[in-house]
Amino acid sequence: MKITKPALVLVGLLLLTAVSACDKKPETAPVQKTEPASAEPKPAAEKAGPMLDGWKKFSSTQGSFSVLLPNDPKESDQQFGKLAMHGFAAQKNPQSGFGVSYCDFPKTADAKKVYDEVQTITVGKEAKLVSQKDLTFENYPAREFEFNRGGKANYTAHTLMIMVGQRLYTLAVISLTADQHPDERDAFFNSFSVSKN
């Protein structure tokens, strides 16, 4: 079964949903560090094999990050109250897409509360949460979760959220549930790097 909408649109919707959740209840408590649930991700060069042939590094100076993408991303900016979301989404094919977004809070937010809120709203009532784990990414608190939605749009979404000070980064991979590429997804996540200022 094929996704009813292009994967690029789904990635965009996932990123917009995540940012809408951020705007819904911004917190002002200090960031809570979480203990790593897994080892520190390896650099993309160590994990990226043939599945990333032809992919290229994309960097955002304003966003202070870099990541590998299958092609040039489409950029979108959305305003949610006082929060501005900047998103970048690239489609590998009509059934799979990759995206990165970021939004800045006016004050430092509690990472766990933000993750809980974003995850609840993103998954919603119609999808099924498959997995969730709190971890660290480049020494920043992070959460990775996966959910799938059956029916006509039988797709799975993997999301990685990383809180860096006042900035929330959200990485999303959407693919057909029957045609997932976990090595490719992991290499995409591991290729993400926050610029040191």
Foldseek 3Di string as FASTA:
>chain_A
DAAPFFQQVVQVVLQVLLVLLCLPDFAADAEDFDAAPDDAFDALVVQDDPVLVCWDKDDDPVQQKIFTANDFWDWDWDDDPPKIKIKTKDHPDRFKIKMKMKIFDPHFGYVVVSVVRSVDRSCDDQKAWDDKDWRAYPSFTKMWTKIFHDDPRTKIKIWMWTDDGRMIMIMMMMGHPVDDDVSVVSSRVNNMDGHDD
